[in-house]
Amino acid sequence: MENFQKVEKIGDGTYGVVYKARNKLTGEVVALKKIRLDTETEGISLLKELNHPNIVKLLDVIHTENKLDLKFLDASALTGISYLFQLLQGLAFCHSHRVLHRDLKPQNLLINTEGSIKLADFGLARAFGVPVRTYTHEVVTLWYRAPEILLGCKYYSTAVDIWRLGCIFAETVTRRLVWPGVMPDCKPSVPKWAQQDFSKVVPPLDEDGRSLLSQMLHYDPNKRISAKVALAHPFFQDVTKPVPHLRL
């Protein structure tokens, strides 16, 4: 740890604290994450195996201080079709390697100066496969939870990540939370809501954008679009090279 100088605190959550730091020897800017290793051992193991341009790189694990040394990229505003495309690429890579992120949210997305965006914070990431594994439904960040998790489902898969990314997609378009939560107590019965016109919910999006978003936010997880299929959606027909120097 003596080789790193903390610059500022950039995140503080249930499972750890993240600092922006600089390597005194190389000048490289990194993220230092302080955690209890007994809570994130699986996430660490998975992150070591995931090598992709749109997934944050784990540089080292310092056991003596219980900190993770992650590759850090300064964040900027999450805008543009190319960012969503890159996130879907990273997610498709995770899912193809049977890894669920489970905690996608704007705070866990890192952007560098070249416009490359990366998935970060795999503290709640889990491997999935056969037989079906039972997961806790108490994953963090209520605003982005898929409906099946809110209803207590413990058998879920990649669709929960797609729902979260759909929420982020809608939030970047409207500049507001899609479901911020307003009721402190659960109602005795769930009311029936009529489906809203998506053109009124996300007016900035064109028809292709609304089509993609509606498939990402499908109530039935079995009918929710996959990351791989989403990458071929007409919404991305003009995305050939999202940003300079980005390898797709």
Protein backbone atom coordinates (compact mmCIF):
# COMPACT_ATOMS: atom_id res chain seq x y z
CA MET A 1 0.00 0.00 0.00
CA GLU A 2 2.97 2.32 0.47
CA ASN A 3 3.24 2.54 -3.33
CA PHE A 4 -0.15 4.24 -3.63
CA GLN A 5 -1.28 7.74 -2.73
CA LYS A 6 -5.00 8.28 -2.16
CA VAL A 7 -6.42 11.17 -4.18
CA GLU A 8 -10.06 11.15 -3.14
CA LYS A 9 -12.91 8.97 -1.96
CA ILE A 10 -15.15 8.10 -4.92
CA GLY A 11 -17.59 5.55 -3.54
CA ASP A 12 -19.00 4.19 -0.31
CA GLY A 13 -21.48 1.33 -0.28
CA THR A 14 -22.72 -1.64 1.69
CA TYR A 15 -19.87 -3.87 0.61
CA GLY A 16 -16.87 -1.57 0.60
CA VAL A 17 -15.24 1.81 0.11
CA VAL A 18 -13.52 2.89 -3.12
CA TYR A 19 -10.72 5.46 -3.36
CA LYS A 20 -9.13 7.07 -6.39
CA ALA A 21 -5.37 6.62 -6.00
CA ARG A 22 -2.14 7.07 -7.89
CA ASN A 23 0.74 4.64 -8.15
CA LYS A 24 3.78 6.57 -6.86
CA LEU A 25 6.15 4.55 -9.02
CA THR A 26 4.34 4.54 -12.37
CA GLY A 27 1.93 7.46 -12.04
CA GLU A 28 -0.96 5.20 -13.06
CA VAL A 29 -4.36 6.17 -11.67
CA VAL A 30 -6.18 3.22 -10.10
CA ALA A 31 -9.07 2.45 -7.81
CA LEU A 32 -8.43 1.01 -4.37
CA LYS A 33 -11.36 -0.87 -2.94
CA LYS A 34 -11.36 -1.77 0.74
CA ILE A 35 -13.55 -4.77 1.51
CA ARG A 36 -14.04 -7.69 3.85
CA LEU A 37 -12.63 -10.52 1.79
CA ASP A 38 -15.09 -13.02 3.23
CA THR A 39 -17.93 -11.14 1.50
CA GLU A 40 -16.46 -10.83 -2.01
CA THR A 41 -14.23 -13.85 -2.60
CA GLU A 42 -16.39 -15.16 -5.44
CA GLY A 43 -16.53 -11.76 -7.12
CA ILE A 44 -12.74 -11.50 -6.95
CA SER A 45 -12.28 -14.96 -8.46
CA LEU A 46 -14.69 -14.20 -11.29
CA LEU A 47 -13.13 -10.81 -12.07
CA LYS A 48 -9.71 -12.43 -12.39
CA GLU A 49 -11.09 -14.62 -15.18
CA LEU A 50 -12.97 -11.91 -17.10
CA ASN A 51 -10.67 -10.20 -19.60
CA HIS A 52 -12.65 -7.91 -21.91
CA PRO A 53 -12.33 -4.29 -23.11
CA ASN A 54 -15.63 -3.38 -21.45
CA ILE A 55 -14.94 -5.00 -18.07
CA VAL A 56 -12.75 -3.30 -15.48
CA LYS A 57 -9.39 -5.00 -14.99
CA LEU A 58 -8.35 -6.39 -11.61
CA LEU A 59 -4.67 -5.56 -11.15
CA ASP A 60 -3.93 -7.06 -7.76
CA VAL A 61 -5.31 -8.22 -4.42
CA ILE A 62 -3.47 -7.02 -1.33
CA HIS A 63 -4.44 -9.49 1.38
CA THR A 64 -2.71 -7.75 4.26
CA GLU A 65 -4.87 -4.66 3.91
CA ASN A 66 -7.95 -6.44 2.53
CA LYS A 67 -8.01 -4.06 -0.44
CA LEU A 68 -8.51 -4.60 -4.14
CA ASP A 69 -6.33 -2.69 -6.59
CA LEU A 70 -8.49 -2.07 -9.65
CA LYS A 71 -7.80 -0.32 -12.90
CA PHE A 72 -9.51 3.06 -12.56
CA LEU A 73 -11.00 5.21 -15.31
CA ASP A 74 -12.31 8.67 -14.58
CA ALA A 75 -16.07 8.81 -15.09
CA SER A 76 -17.87 11.26 -17.30
CA ALA A 77 -21.50 11.66 -18.32
CA LEU A 78 -23.04 8.43 -19.58
CA THR A 79 -24.46 9.45 -22.94
CA GLY A 80 -24.70 8.11 -26.46
CA ILE A 81 -25.71 4.91 -28.16
CA SER A 82 -22.11 3.69 -28.20
CA TYR A 83 -21.98 3.45 -24.40
CA LEU A 84 -25.04 1.22 -24.29
CA PHE A 85 -23.56 -0.89 -27.07
CA GLN A 86 -20.30 -1.29 -25.14
CA LEU A 87 -22.13 -2.20 -21.94
CA LEU A 88 -24.09 -4.86 -23.78
CA GLN A 89 -20.80 -6.19 -25.17
CA GLY A 90 -19.38 -6.48 -21.67
CA LEU A 91 -22.57 -8.05 -20.37
CA ALA A 92 -22.76 -10.52 -23.26
CA PHE A 93 -19.17 -11.53 -22.48
CA CYS A 94 -20.01 -12.08 -18.80
CA HIS A 95 -23.11 -14.10 -19.62
CA SER A 96 -21.28 -16.20 -22.20
CA HIS A 97 -18.86 -17.09 -19.42
CA ARG A 98 -21.78 -17.89 -17.10
CA VAL A 99 -21.31 -14.89 -14.83
CA LEU A 100 -24.10 -12.71 -13.41
CA HIS A 101 -23.11 -9.18 -12.38
CA ARG A 102 -26.27 -8.60 -10.26
CA ASP A 103 -25.42 -5.02 -9.25
CA LEU A 104 -25.39 -2.91 -12.40
CA LYS A 105 -25.96 0.77 -11.67
CA PRO A 106 -24.46 4.07 -12.90
CA GLN A 107 -21.99 4.15 -10.00
CA ASN A 108 -20.52 0.84 -11.17
CA LEU A 109 -19.74 2.03 -14.70
CA LEU A 110 -16.35 3.59 -15.42
CA ILE A 111 -15.43 5.66 -18.48
CA ASN A 112 -11.97 6.62 -19.68
CA THR A 113 -10.86 9.61 -21.73
CA GLU A 114 -11.00 7.60 -24.96
CA GLY A 115 -14.72 6.95 -24.51
CA SER A 116 -14.45 3.31 -23.50
CA ILE A 117 -16.90 2.30 -20.77
CA LYS A 118 -16.35 -0.65 -18.45
CA LEU A 119 -18.42 -2.72 -16.05
CA ALA A 120 -17.02 -2.50 -12.53
CA ASP A 121 -17.69 -3.67 -8.97
CA PHE A 122 -18.19 -7.42 -9.22
CA GLY A 123 -18.71 -7.73 -5.47
CA LEU A 124 -22.13 -9.34 -5.97
CA ALA A 125 -21.23 -11.23 -9.15
CA ARG A 126 -22.03 -14.93 -9.16
CA ALA A 127 -21.37 -17.86 -11.45
CA PHE A 128 -24.42 -19.69 -12.71
CA GLY A 129 -25.02 -23.00 -14.40
CA VAL A 130 -26.71 -26.36 -14.07
CA PRO A 131 -28.17 -27.36 -11.70
CA VAL A 132 -30.00 -24.09 -11.13
CA ARG A 133 -28.48 -22.28 -8.19
CA THR A 134 -30.41 -20.56 -5.43
CA TYR A 135 -29.44 -16.91 -4.94
CA THR A 136 -30.42 -14.39 -2.33
CA HIS A 137 -33.09 -11.93 -3.42
CA GLU A 138 -31.61 -9.25 -1.15
CA VAL A 139 -29.24 -7.84 -3.73
CA VAL A 140 -28.56 -4.15 -3.25
CA THR A 141 -29.80 -1.01 -5.04
CA LEU A 142 -33.57 -1.24 -4.94
CA TRP A 143 -34.14 1.17 -7.85
CA TYR A 144 -32.65 -1.24 -10.38
CA ARG A 145 -34.01 -4.55 -9.10
CA ALA A 146 -35.88 -6.71 -11.58
CA PRO A 147 -39.53 -7.42 -10.69
CA GLU A 148 -38.85 -11.13 -10.14
CA ILE A 149 -36.31 -10.23 -7.44
CA LEU A 150 -38.66 -7.71 -5.83
CA LEU A 151 -41.24 -10.50 -5.63
CA GLY A 152 -38.79 -12.75 -3.78
CA CYS A 153 -37.60 -15.04 -6.57
CA LYS A 154 -34.39 -16.90 -5.68
CA TYR A 155 -33.99 -18.70 -9.01
CA TYR A 156 -33.00 -16.13 -11.57
CA SER A 157 -30.48 -15.71 -14.34
CA THR A 158 -29.08 -13.26 -16.88
CA ALA A 159 -32.40 -11.44 -17.34
CA VAL A 160 -31.85 -9.57 -14.05
CA ASP A 161 -28.75 -7.89 -15.52
CA ILE A 162 -30.68 -6.93 -18.66
CA TRP A 163 -33.43 -5.32 -16.56
CA ARG A 164 -30.85 -3.27 -14.66
CA LEU A 165 -29.19 -2.10 -17.84
CA GLY A 166 -32.61 -1.21 -19.25
CA CYS A 167 -33.25 0.98 -16.20
CA ILE A 168 -29.89 2.70 -16.72
CA PHE A 169 -30.68 3.16 -20.42
CA ALA A 170 -34.01 4.84 -19.63
CA GLU A 171 -32.41 6.95 -16.89
CA THR A 172 -29.75 8.34 -19.22
CA VAL A 173 -32.41 9.25 -21.78
CA THR A 174 -34.90 10.91 -19.39
CA ARG A 175 -32.34 12.14 -16.80
CA ARG A 176 -34.47 10.73 -13.99
CA LEU A 177 -34.95 7.43 -12.19
CA VAL A 178 -37.49 5.11 -13.77
CA TRP A 179 -38.67 3.57 -10.49
CA PRO A 180 -37.29 5.60 -7.57
CA GLY A 181 -39.69 4.08 -5.04
CA VAL A 182 -42.17 6.28 -3.22
CA MET A 183 -44.07 3.99 -0.86
CA PRO A 184 -42.42 3.35 2.53
CA ASP A 185 -44.64 0.34 3.22
CA CYS A 186 -45.83 -2.46 1.01
CA LYS A 187 -49.47 -2.23 -0.04
CA PRO A 188 -51.73 -5.13 1.00
CA SER A 189 -52.50 -5.79 -2.66
CA VAL A 190 -50.72 -5.01 -5.89
CA PRO A 191 -52.79 -2.70 -8.11
CA LYS A 192 -53.28 -3.39 -11.79
CA TRP A 193 -51.61 -0.84 -13.99
CA ALA A 194 -52.38 -0.28 -17.65
CA GLN A 195 -49.38 -0.36 -19.95
CA GLN A 196 -48.18 3.13 -20.78
CA ASP A 197 -47.30 4.47 -24.19
CA PHE A 198 -43.50 4.26 -24.37
CA SER A 199 -43.36 7.36 -26.54
CA LYS A 200 -44.60 9.31 -23.51
CA VAL A 201 -42.36 7.52 -21.02
CA VAL A 202 -39.14 8.07 -22.99
CA PRO A 203 -39.99 10.78 -25.55
CA PRO A 204 -36.36 11.40 -26.62
CA LEU A 205 -36.07 7.85 -28.01
CA ASP A 206 -36.98 6.98 -31.58
CA GLU A 207 -39.03 3.91 -32.51
CA ASP A 208 -36.02 1.57 -32.55
CA GLY A 209 -34.87 2.85 -29.17
CA ARG A 210 -38.29 2.32 -27.64
CA SER A 211 -38.43 -1.15 -29.16
CA LEU A 212 -35.11 -2.13 -27.58
CA LEU A 213 -35.97 -0.62 -24.21
CA SER A 214 -39.34 -2.36 -24.08
CA GLN A 215 -37.63 -5.70 -24.68
CA MET A 216 -35.05 -5.01 -21.99
CA LEU A 217 -37.77 -4.09 -19.50
CA HIS A 218 -40.15 -6.93 -20.31
CA TYR A 219 -41.93 -8.03 -17.13
CA ASP A 220 -41.49 -11.73 -17.93
CA PRO A 221 -37.77 -12.56 -17.52
CA ASN A 222 -38.13 -15.46 -19.96
CA LYS A 223 -39.20 -13.01 -22.67
CA ARG A 224 -36.61 -10.35 -21.86
CA ILE A 225 -34.07 -9.81 -24.63
CA SER A 226 -30.56 -11.24 -24.12
CA ALA A 227 -27.42 -9.12 -24.36
CA LYS A 228 -26.27 -11.05 -27.43
CA VAL A 229 -29.55 -10.54 -29.28
CA ALA A 230 -29.73 -6.90 -28.19
CA LEU A 231 -26.39 -6.19 -29.89
CA ALA A 232 -28.01 -7.06 -33.24
CA HIS A 233 -31.02 -4.78 -32.67
CA PRO A 234 -31.73 -2.15 -35.38
CA PHE A 235 -31.15 0.56 -32.76
CA PHE A 236 -27.41 -0.09 -33.21
CA GLN A 237 -27.40 -0.28 -37.00
CA ASP A 238 -25.17 2.79 -37.29
CA VAL A 239 -22.78 1.72 -34.52
CA THR A 240 -19.75 0.34 -36.33
CA LYS A 241 -17.01 1.98 -34.28
CA PRO A 242 -18.50 3.80 -31.27
CA VAL A 243 -15.41 5.81 -30.30
CA PRO A 244 -11.86 6.27 -31.61
CA HIS A 245 -9.31 3.63 -30.55
CA LEU A 246 -12.00 1.32 -29.13
CA ARG A 247 -11.58 -2.31 -30.13
CA LEU A 248 -14.94 -4.04 -30.60
